[in-house]
């Protein structure tokens, strides 16, 4: 089993003053620097007694005197370090400055081809990825980065952005990773759920809007040839391909392309009035979903405002040591009947969703749930988003309320109503058609 020990010490004057102020480290800056050199060598030598793979980092290298940084790096290499990490601990450097650190560092150690230089960048100025890539051009062959760029303060360099930058611009960098990029989206979502930090929709590579197109000119171009507006394939990072979002900026090509994918044929003489009806609907509705399109094509206008199901009663009980229990009453407006059901769950929201499922009785799978606070304070307005899938078709629901359980229940009911509207309003569509991509998010 391969092992590595990573040792580090602060080297910038700011850090030396803050961390090595005690007289035992020396009375002057010059004396303290000599102490740090000795500590660097001692730490690396100690680590080498356990493994031949030792990494050394000069903390806050980005603000360290370059001459002294070279002395520290040379001392670490002489002591047996095999990987030299030059971190921009505070996100202070610009790309050109950071590249020069690696160029100077390489000159400090002579012809030692076995030494690997490593970059570790923080994003305080939004330059972590740019700095990391500049380090590659300057000879770095290890990049320390994180999924979604999570990390201290403003975060670290984003792994997914670095991976795809190296791959898309292989002509520029001449380097690649062995990472399976098709797993990036799934891994990003897993990390987001685990740490509780939502990924911004406009986040490069893994944001839900990273490959979506709403503007008509973009939709027209990408439908004819994807590389007009896409420098990489969405499928290559684990996202769904050709994400045409329909809204008031969408053009005819995007609109009729979506209809074709849904199997909705429109006669040529009906296309212009149908498109005008779509634009009118888009002016009043932020998001146009597939069931809206079905109703437009069938001449019924937008999806009916009265939902098929209404949540009329909610009672959720949670106590220390007790299993969360929910009672709900759901009115089926098709037959004007209220169904009262109950269920338990892993938490109050899980319990209420199970109870609603029992009342509605339509098969589906919950694939995504998120909750965000829109305001501050304990009475903050909660924004819940739910995505369910039935026969490969996604349906999204949103709900807002100061009671997060109520917000979640409202979101779940909206998703279920969209699913029901699609099923009952699209007789000319094979609902079981797999792979139809929804227009959510």
Protein backbone atom coordinates (compact mmCIF):
# COMPACT_ATOMS: atom_id res chain seq x y z
CA UNK A 1 0.00 0.00 0.00
CA UNK A 2 1.38 3.38 -1.04
CA UNK A 3 1.62 5.95 1.73
CA UNK A 4 2.34 9.66 1.80
CA UNK A 5 3.04 12.14 4.56
CA UNK A 6 2.34 15.80 3.91
CA UNK A 7 4.13 18.31 6.12
CA UNK A 8 4.00 22.09 5.93
CA UNK A 9 5.14 25.27 7.61
CA UNK A 10 4.33 28.97 7.22
CA UNK A 11 6.87 30.99 5.24
CA UNK A 12 5.47 34.48 4.56
CA UNK A 13 6.55 37.39 6.76
CA UNK A 14 2.92 37.92 7.81
CA UNK A 15 2.58 34.32 8.98
CA UNK A 16 6.01 34.29 10.58
CA UNK A 17 5.11 37.36 12.63
CA UNK A 18 1.77 35.86 13.69
CA UNK A 19 2.91 32.28 14.39
CA UNK A 20 6.55 32.54 15.40
CA UNK A 21 6.53 35.64 17.57
CA UNK A 22 7.95 33.89 20.64
CA UNK A 23 11.63 34.64 21.28
CA UNK A 24 12.47 30.92 21.22
CA UNK A 25 12.14 31.07 17.42
CA UNK A 26 14.61 33.95 17.20
CA UNK A 27 14.85 37.62 18.02
CA UNK A 28 14.84 38.94 14.44
CA UNK A 29 13.08 38.04 11.21
CA UNK A 30 16.33 36.63 9.83
CA UNK A 31 16.73 34.38 12.87
CA UNK A 32 13.13 33.21 12.67
CA UNK A 33 13.60 32.37 9.00
CA UNK A 34 16.61 30.23 9.87
CA UNK A 35 14.56 28.43 12.50
CA UNK A 36 11.83 27.71 9.93
CA UNK A 37 14.45 26.30 7.53
CA UNK A 38 15.66 23.96 10.27
CA UNK A 39 12.10 22.94 11.16
CA UNK A 40 11.37 22.27 7.47
CA UNK A 41 14.31 19.91 7.18
CA UNK A 42 13.57 18.18 10.48
CA UNK A 43 9.92 17.57 9.57
CA UNK A 44 10.71 16.16 6.13
CA UNK A 45 13.51 13.96 7.48
CA UNK A 46 11.19 12.63 10.18
CA UNK A 47 8.51 11.88 7.58
CA UNK A 48 11.03 10.04 5.40
CA UNK A 49 11.63 7.54 8.18
CA UNK A 50 8.06 6.32 7.55
CA UNK A 51 7.69 6.65 3.77
CA UNK A 52 9.61 7.60 0.65
CA UNK A 53 6.67 9.75 -0.54
CA UNK A 54 6.78 13.06 1.30
CA UNK A 55 5.00 16.23 0.27
CA UNK A 56 6.04 19.61 1.62
CA UNK A 57 4.02 22.83 1.51
CA UNK A 58 5.27 26.36 2.09
CA UNK A 59 2.14 27.87 3.61
CA UNK A 60 1.21 31.28 2.19
CA UNK A 61 3.80 30.89 -0.55
CA UNK A 62 1.88 33.42 -2.60
CA UNK A 63 2.91 36.20 -0.18
CA UNK A 64 6.36 34.83 0.65
CA UNK A 65 9.56 36.61 -0.36
CA UNK A 66 10.61 34.72 -3.48
CA UNK A 67 14.24 34.44 -2.44
CA UNK A 68 13.33 32.96 0.91
CA UNK A 69 10.74 30.68 -0.69
CA UNK A 70 13.53 29.23 -2.85
CA UNK A 71 15.64 28.63 0.26
CA UNK A 72 12.78 26.76 1.95
CA UNK A 73 12.02 24.66 -1.12
CA UNK A 74 15.69 23.76 -1.56
CA UNK A 75 15.91 22.75 2.10
CA UNK A 76 12.81 20.53 1.80
CA UNK A 77 14.17 18.82 -1.33
CA UNK A 78 17.57 18.24 0.27
CA UNK A 79 15.83 16.67 3.25
CA UNK A 80 14.01 14.21 0.96
CA UNK A 81 10.69 15.79 -0.08
CA UNK A 82 9.46 14.34 -3.37
CA UNK A 83 6.46 16.66 -3.94
CA UNK A 84 6.73 20.41 -3.47
CA UNK A 85 3.44 22.20 -2.99
CA UNK A 86 3.33 25.96 -3.54
CA UNK A 87 0.01 27.08 -2.08
CA UNK A 88 -1.73 30.37 -2.66
CA UNK A 89 -3.19 30.03 0.80
CA UNK A 90 -5.04 33.35 0.81
CA UNK A 91 -6.07 33.50 -2.84
CA UNK A 92 -3.83 36.54 -3.30
CA UNK A 93 -1.95 35.75 -6.50
CA UNK A 94 -2.81 36.56 -10.08
CA UNK A 95 -2.21 33.84 -12.69
CA UNK A 96 1.00 35.38 -14.04
CA UNK A 97 2.40 35.87 -10.53
CA UNK A 98 1.54 32.34 -9.52
CA UNK A 99 3.17 30.87 -12.64
CA UNK A 100 6.38 32.77 -11.86
CA UNK A 101 6.54 31.13 -8.44
CA UNK A 102 6.73 27.71 -10.11
CA UNK A 103 9.26 28.86 -12.66
CA UNK A 104 11.51 30.26 -9.93
CA UNK A 105 10.99 27.21 -7.72
CA UNK A 106 12.10 24.91 -10.52
CA UNK A 107 15.30 26.89 -10.80
CA UNK A 108 15.95 26.54 -7.08
CA UNK A 109 16.34 22.77 -7.09
CA UNK A 110 18.49 22.28 -10.16
CA UNK A 111 18.13 19.25 -12.39
CA UNK A 112 15.95 17.11 -10.12
CA UNK A 113 13.46 15.56 -12.50
CA UNK A 114 11.99 13.31 -9.81
CA UNK A 115 10.44 16.27 -7.96
CA UNK A 116 6.73 16.90 -8.62
CA UNK A 117 5.47 20.44 -8.21
CA UNK A 118 1.96 20.88 -6.85
CA UNK A 119 -0.54 23.77 -6.85
CA UNK A 120 -3.03 24.52 -4.07
CA UNK A 121 -5.21 27.57 -4.71
CA UNK A 122 -7.92 29.39 -2.83
CA UNK A 123 -10.66 31.39 -4.51
CA UNK A 124 -10.73 34.63 -2.52
CA UNK A 125 -10.38 36.69 -5.71
CA UNK A 126 -12.15 34.14 -7.91
CA UNK A 127 -8.83 33.08 -9.48
CA UNK A 128 -8.29 29.62 -8.00
CA UNK A 129 -8.93 27.70 -11.21
CA UNK A 130 -7.08 30.22 -13.38
CA UNK A 131 -4.08 30.10 -11.04
CA UNK A 132 -4.09 26.30 -10.98
CA UNK A 133 -4.10 26.15 -14.77
CA UNK A 134 -1.30 28.71 -14.93
CA UNK A 135 0.68 26.44 -12.63
CA UNK A 136 0.21 23.57 -15.11
CA UNK A 137 1.67 25.73 -17.87
CA UNK A 138 4.60 26.49 -15.55
CA UNK A 139 5.29 22.80 -14.87
CA UNK A 140 3.00 21.73 -12.03
CA UNK A 141 1.81 18.15 -12.36
CA UNK A 142 -0.31 17.87 -9.21
CA UNK A 143 -3.31 20.08 -8.53
CA UNK A 144 -5.03 20.09 -5.16
CA UNK A 145 -8.70 20.89 -5.73
CA UNK A 146 -12.20 20.02 -4.54
CA UNK A 147 -15.57 19.04 -5.96
CA UNK A 148 -17.77 22.15 -6.34
CA UNK A 149 -14.78 24.20 -5.16
CA UNK A 150 -15.79 23.71 -1.52
CA UNK A 151 -13.22 24.81 1.04
CA UNK A 152 -12.12 27.42 3.53
CA UNK A 153 -13.59 30.92 3.10
CA UNK A 154 -14.40 31.41 -0.62
CA UNK A 155 -13.35 27.83 -1.33
CA UNK A 156 -10.64 26.07 -3.31
CA UNK A 157 -10.08 25.42 -6.98
CA UNK A 158 -12.98 23.51 -8.52
CA UNK A 159 -12.00 19.99 -9.57
CA UNK A 160 -14.65 19.70 -12.27
CA UNK A 161 -13.61 22.98 -13.88
CA UNK A 162 -9.95 22.01 -13.91
CA UNK A 163 -10.65 18.55 -15.34
CA UNK A 164 -12.68 19.90 -18.23
CA UNK A 165 -10.40 22.86 -18.91
CA UNK A 166 -7.46 20.48 -19.30
CA UNK A 167 -9.53 18.23 -21.54
CA UNK A 168 -11.20 20.86 -23.71
CA UNK A 169 -7.99 22.86 -24.08
CA UNK A 170 -5.57 19.98 -24.38
CA UNK A 171 -3.97 21.91 -27.23
CA UNK A 172 -2.97 24.59 -24.73
CA UNK A 173 -2.07 22.60 -21.63
CA UNK A 174 -0.80 19.30 -23.00
CA UNK A 175 -1.95 17.53 -19.84
CA UNK A 176 -4.95 15.47 -18.78
CA UNK A 177 -6.26 13.48 -15.83
CA UNK A 178 -7.51 9.92 -15.52
CA UNK A 179 -10.77 11.14 -14.03
CA UNK A 180 -14.00 9.75 -15.51
CA UNK A 181 -15.66 13.05 -16.34
CA UNK A 182 -19.06 11.43 -16.87
CA UNK A 183 -19.27 11.04 -13.07
CA UNK A 184 -18.72 14.73 -12.33
CA UNK A 185 -22.39 15.74 -12.17
CA UNK A 186 -23.41 12.85 -9.94
CA UNK A 187 -20.43 13.43 -7.65
CA UNK A 188 -21.20 17.14 -7.46
CA UNK A 189 -24.78 16.42 -6.41
CA UNK A 190 -23.61 13.91 -3.81
CA UNK A 191 -21.20 16.44 -2.30
CA UNK A 192 -23.86 19.14 -2.36
CA UNK A 193 -26.29 16.96 -0.42
CA UNK A 194 -23.64 15.79 2.05
CA UNK A 195 -22.37 19.27 2.94
CA UNK A 196 -25.67 21.14 2.60
CA UNK A 197 -24.34 23.70 0.11
CA UNK A 198 -26.48 24.11 -3.00
CA UNK A 199 -24.67 24.33 -6.34
CA UNK A 200 -25.47 27.67 -8.05
CA UNK A 201 -27.46 27.10 -11.25
CA UNK A 202 -24.88 29.06 -13.26
CA UNK A 203 -21.93 27.09 -11.87
CA UNK A 204 -19.59 26.01 -14.66
CA UNK A 205 -19.70 22.33 -15.65
CA UNK A 206 -22.11 21.08 -12.94
CA UNK A 207 -24.64 23.93 -12.61
CA UNK A 208 -28.09 22.99 -13.85
CA UNK A 209 -27.96 25.86 -16.37
CA UNK A 210 -24.43 25.13 -17.59
CA UNK A 211 -25.70 23.54 -20.81
CA UNK A 212 -29.18 25.05 -21.09
CA UNK A 213 -30.22 27.46 -23.81
CA UNK A 214 -33.21 29.80 -23.72
CA UNK A 215 -32.31 32.65 -26.08
CA UNK A 216 -33.73 32.00 -29.54
CA UNK A 217 -30.49 32.64 -31.42
CA UNK A 218 -28.64 30.23 -29.13
CA UNK A 219 -31.33 27.57 -29.49
CA UNK A 220 -31.32 27.89 -33.27
CA UNK A 221 -27.54 27.56 -33.39
CA UNK A 222 -27.20 24.67 -30.97
CA UNK A 223 -29.98 22.68 -32.63
CA UNK A 224 -28.24 22.94 -35.99
CA UNK A 225 -24.77 22.36 -34.60
CA UNK A 226 -24.09 21.98 -30.90
CA UNK A 227 -20.56 23.38 -30.96
CA UNK A 228 -21.88 26.79 -32.00
CA UNK A 229 -22.54 27.50 -28.33
CA UNK A 230 -21.13 24.47 -26.53
CA UNK A 231 -17.39 23.81 -26.18
CA UNK A 232 -17.99 20.41 -24.56
CA UNK A 233 -20.78 17.87 -24.53
CA UNK A 234 -23.15 17.85 -21.57
CA UNK A 235 -23.04 14.05 -21.64
CA UNK A 236 -19.28 14.12 -21.06
CA UNK A 237 -19.79 15.58 -17.59
CA UNK A 238 -22.87 13.54 -16.70
CA UNK A 239 -25.47 16.14 -17.62
CA UNK A 240 -28.40 15.65 -19.98
CA UNK A 241 -27.66 16.71 -23.53
CA UNK A 242 -29.40 19.41 -25.56
CA UNK A 243 -31.07 21.27 -22.71
CA UNK A 244 -33.47 23.57 -24.52
CA UNK A 245 -35.35 25.65 -21.95
CA UNK A 246 -38.55 27.28 -23.06
CA UNK A 247 -39.31 30.82 -21.99
CA UNK A 248 -40.15 34.21 -23.41
CA UNK A 249 -36.71 34.46 -25.07
CA UNK A 250 -37.08 31.16 -26.93
CA UNK A 251 -37.34 31.10 -30.71
CA UNK A 252 -39.36 29.00 -33.12
CA UNK A 253 -36.65 26.39 -33.56
CA UNK A 254 -36.42 25.63 -29.85
CA UNK A 255 -40.20 25.58 -29.47
CA UNK A 256 -40.95 23.23 -32.35
CA UNK A 257 -37.93 21.06 -31.56
CA UNK A 258 -39.42 20.40 -28.12
CA UNK A 259 -42.81 19.59 -29.64
CA UNK A 260 -41.18 17.13 -32.01
CA UNK A 261 -39.40 15.38 -29.14
CA UNK A 262 -42.74 15.02 -27.39
CA UNK A 263 -44.23 13.46 -30.50
CA UNK A 264 -46.56 16.41 -31.13
CA UNK A 265 -47.11 17.05 -34.83
CA UNK A 266 -48.30 20.50 -35.87
CA UNK A 267 -49.57 21.33 -39.35
CA UNK A 268 -47.70 24.10 -41.11
CA UNK A 269 -50.75 26.41 -41.21
CA UNK A 270 -51.14 26.05 -37.42
CA UNK A 271 -47.54 26.78 -36.51
CA UNK A 272 -47.58 30.58 -36.41
CA UNK A 273 -50.74 30.95 -34.26
CA UNK A 274 -49.48 28.19 -31.98
CA UNK A 275 -46.14 29.94 -31.57
CA UNK A 276 -47.91 33.22 -30.77
CA UNK A 277 -49.97 31.43 -28.14
CA UNK A 278 -46.76 30.04 -26.69
CA UNK A 279 -45.21 33.53 -26.50
CA UNK A 280 -48.34 34.87 -24.80
CA UNK A 281 -48.16 32.09 -22.23
CA UNK A 282 -44.41 32.65 -21.73
CA UNK A 283 -45.06 36.32 -20.90
CA UNK A 284 -47.19 35.22 -17.94
CA UNK A 285 -45.42 32.08 -16.83
CA UNK A 286 -41.75 31.89 -15.86
CA UNK A 287 -41.35 28.24 -16.78
CA UNK A 288 -43.04 26.42 -19.64
CA UNK A 289 -43.25 22.70 -18.93
CA UNK A 290 -44.24 19.82 -21.18
CA UNK A 291 -47.84 19.58 -20.01
CA UNK A 292 -48.30 23.25 -20.99
CA UNK A 293 -47.14 22.38 -24.49
CA UNK A 294 -49.56 19.47 -24.68
CA UNK A 295 -52.49 21.71 -23.80
CA UNK A 296 -51.36 24.36 -26.28
CA UNK A 297 -51.19 21.86 -29.13
CA UNK A 298 -54.57 20.39 -28.23
CA UNK A 299 -56.09 23.86 -28.34
CA UNK A 300 -56.91 23.90 -24.65
CA UNK A 301 -54.65 26.79 -23.72
CA UNK A 302 -52.32 26.54 -20.72
CA UNK A 303 -52.58 23.79 -18.16
CA UNK A 304 -55.74 24.08 -16.07
CA UNK A 305 -55.41 26.38 -13.07
CA UNK A 306 -57.45 24.10 -10.81
CA UNK A 307 -55.25 21.21 -9.72
CA UNK A 308 -56.37 17.60 -9.77
CA UNK A 309 -55.33 17.19 -6.13
CA UNK A 310 -55.54 19.63 -3.23
CA UNK A 311 -54.00 19.23 0.20
CA UNK A 312 -56.80 20.17 2.59
CA UNK A 313 -55.57 18.72 5.89
CA UNK A 314 -52.08 18.30 7.34
CA UNK A 315 -51.09 16.99 10.75
CA UNK A 316 -47.47 16.06 11.43
CA UNK A 317 -46.27 14.80 14.79
CA UNK A 318 -42.61 14.63 15.80
CA UNK A 319 -41.25 13.90 19.23
CA UNK A 320 -38.01 12.84 20.86
CA UNK A 321 -37.69 9.08 20.52
CA UNK A 322 -40.87 8.82 18.42
CA UNK A 323 -41.13 7.93 14.74
CA UNK A 324 -42.41 10.96 12.76
CA UNK A 325 -46.07 10.46 11.83
CA UNK A 326 -48.18 12.38 9.30
CA UNK A 327 -51.94 12.51 8.65
CA UNK A 328 -53.17 14.20 5.46
CA UNK A 329 -56.37 14.87 3.66
CA UNK A 330 -56.14 15.13 -0.13
CA UNK A 331 -59.14 16.18 -2.22
CA UNK A 332 -59.42 14.52 -5.63
CA UNK A 333 -61.15 17.22 -7.65
CA UNK A 334 -62.00 14.81 -10.44
CA UNK A 335 -64.53 13.05 -8.20
CA UNK A 336 -64.80 15.62 -5.38
CA UNK A 337 -63.65 13.14 -2.76
CA UNK A 338 -61.27 13.72 0.16
CA UNK A 339 -58.92 10.83 0.91
CA UNK A 340 -57.48 10.75 4.44
CA UNK A 341 -54.32 8.73 4.91
CA UNK A 342 -51.44 8.46 7.35
CA UNK A 343 -47.83 7.30 7.21
CA UNK A 344 -44.56 7.29 9.12
CA UNK A 345 -41.14 8.22 7.77
CA UNK A 346 -37.50 8.91 8.51
CA UNK A 347 -38.43 12.53 9.19
CA UNK A 348 -41.52 14.76 9.11
CA UNK A 349 -41.15 15.60 5.42
CA UNK A 350 -40.60 11.97 4.46
CA UNK A 351 -43.69 11.03 6.48
CA UNK A 352 -45.90 13.64 4.83
CA UNK A 353 -44.72 12.64 1.34
CA UNK A 354 -45.52 9.00 2.08
CA UNK A 355 -48.96 9.94 3.34
CA UNK A 356 -49.65 12.03 0.23
CA UNK A 357 -48.49 9.14 -1.96
CA UNK A 358 -50.98 6.84 -0.27
CA UNK A 359 -53.79 9.31 -0.93
CA UNK A 360 -52.91 10.04 -4.56
CA UNK A 361 -51.95 6.52 -5.58
CA UNK A 362 -50.09 7.43 -8.80
CA UNK A 363 -46.76 5.63 -9.31
CA UNK A 364 -43.66 7.80 -9.45
CA UNK A 365 -40.21 8.22 -7.89
CA UNK A 366 -38.88 11.16 -5.88
CA UNK A 367 -35.44 12.00 -7.30
CA UNK A 368 -34.64 15.43 -5.87
CA UNK A 369 -35.59 17.54 -2.88
CA UNK A 370 -34.05 20.82 -1.78
CA UNK A 371 -34.94 23.50 0.73
CA UNK A 372 -33.52 27.00 0.89
CA UNK A 373 -34.12 29.95 3.17
CA UNK A 374 -35.13 33.05 1.20
CA UNK A 375 -34.99 35.43 4.16
CA UNK A 376 -33.22 35.64 7.49
CA UNK A 377 -34.37 34.79 10.98
CA UNK A 378 -36.21 31.89 12.55
CA UNK A 379 -39.37 32.92 10.68
CA UNK A 380 -37.57 32.84 7.34
CA UNK A 381 -39.52 32.09 4.20
CA UNK A 382 -38.58 28.60 3.02
CA UNK A 383 -38.39 27.70 -0.67
CA UNK A 384 -38.81 23.97 -1.33
CA UNK A 385 -38.19 22.29 -4.68
CA UNK A 386 -39.21 18.72 -5.49
CA UNK A 387 -38.57 16.69 -8.62
CA UNK A 388 -40.38 13.42 -9.27
CA UNK A 389 -40.03 11.08 -12.24
CA UNK A 390 -42.66 8.84 -13.80
CA UNK A 391 -41.86 6.65 -16.84
CA UNK A 392 -38.71 8.64 -17.49
CA UNK A 393 -40.49 12.02 -17.45
CA UNK A 394 -39.49 14.54 -14.75
CA UNK A 395 -41.94 16.89 -13.04
CA UNK A 396 -40.95 19.71 -10.73
CA UNK A 397 -42.88 21.41 -7.99
CA UNK A 398 -42.05 24.41 -5.82
CA UNK A 399 -43.55 25.71 -2.60
CA UNK A 400 -42.92 28.69 -0.33
CA UNK A 401 -44.01 29.06 3.27
CA UNK A 402 -42.58 30.09 6.64
CA UNK A 403 -43.41 26.54 7.74
CA UNK A 404 -40.83 24.41 5.88
CA UNK A 405 -43.00 21.30 6.22
CA UNK A 406 -45.91 23.11 4.58
CA UNK A 407 -43.60 24.47 1.87
CA UNK A 408 -42.33 20.95 1.18
CA UNK A 409 -45.86 19.53 1.06
CA UNK A 410 -46.96 22.27 -1.36
CA UNK A 411 -44.00 21.58 -3.62
CA UNK A 412 -44.72 17.86 -3.61
CA UNK A 413 -48.38 18.44 -4.45
CA UNK A 414 -47.47 20.72 -7.36
CA UNK A 415 -45.14 18.08 -8.80
CA UNK A 416 -47.86 15.44 -8.47
CA UNK A 417 -50.41 17.70 -10.15
CA UNK A 418 -48.06 18.32 -13.06
CA UNK A 419 -47.56 14.59 -13.43
CA UNK A 420 -51.32 14.00 -13.36
CA UNK A 421 -51.98 16.78 -15.89
CA UNK A 422 -49.41 15.28 -18.24
CA UNK A 423 -50.91 11.81 -17.94
CA UNK A 424 -54.51 12.84 -18.43
CA UNK A 425 -53.92 15.61 -20.97
CA UNK A 426 -51.64 13.85 -23.43
CA UNK A 427 -53.67 10.98 -24.88
CA UNK A 428 -51.80 11.25 -28.17
CA UNK A 429 -48.43 10.79 -26.46
CA UNK A 430 -46.89 7.55 -25.39
CA UNK A 431 -46.39 8.48 -21.73
CA UNK A 432 -44.08 5.55 -21.25
CA UNK A 433 -41.65 7.00 -23.80
CA UNK A 434 -38.26 6.87 -22.11
CA UNK A 435 -35.65 9.59 -22.23
CA UNK A 436 -37.95 12.59 -22.73
CA UNK A 437 -36.21 15.41 -20.98
CA UNK A 438 -38.28 17.82 -18.94
CA UNK A 439 -37.80 21.55 -19.10
CA UNK A 440 -37.23 22.03 -15.39
CA UNK A 441 -34.20 23.76 -13.88
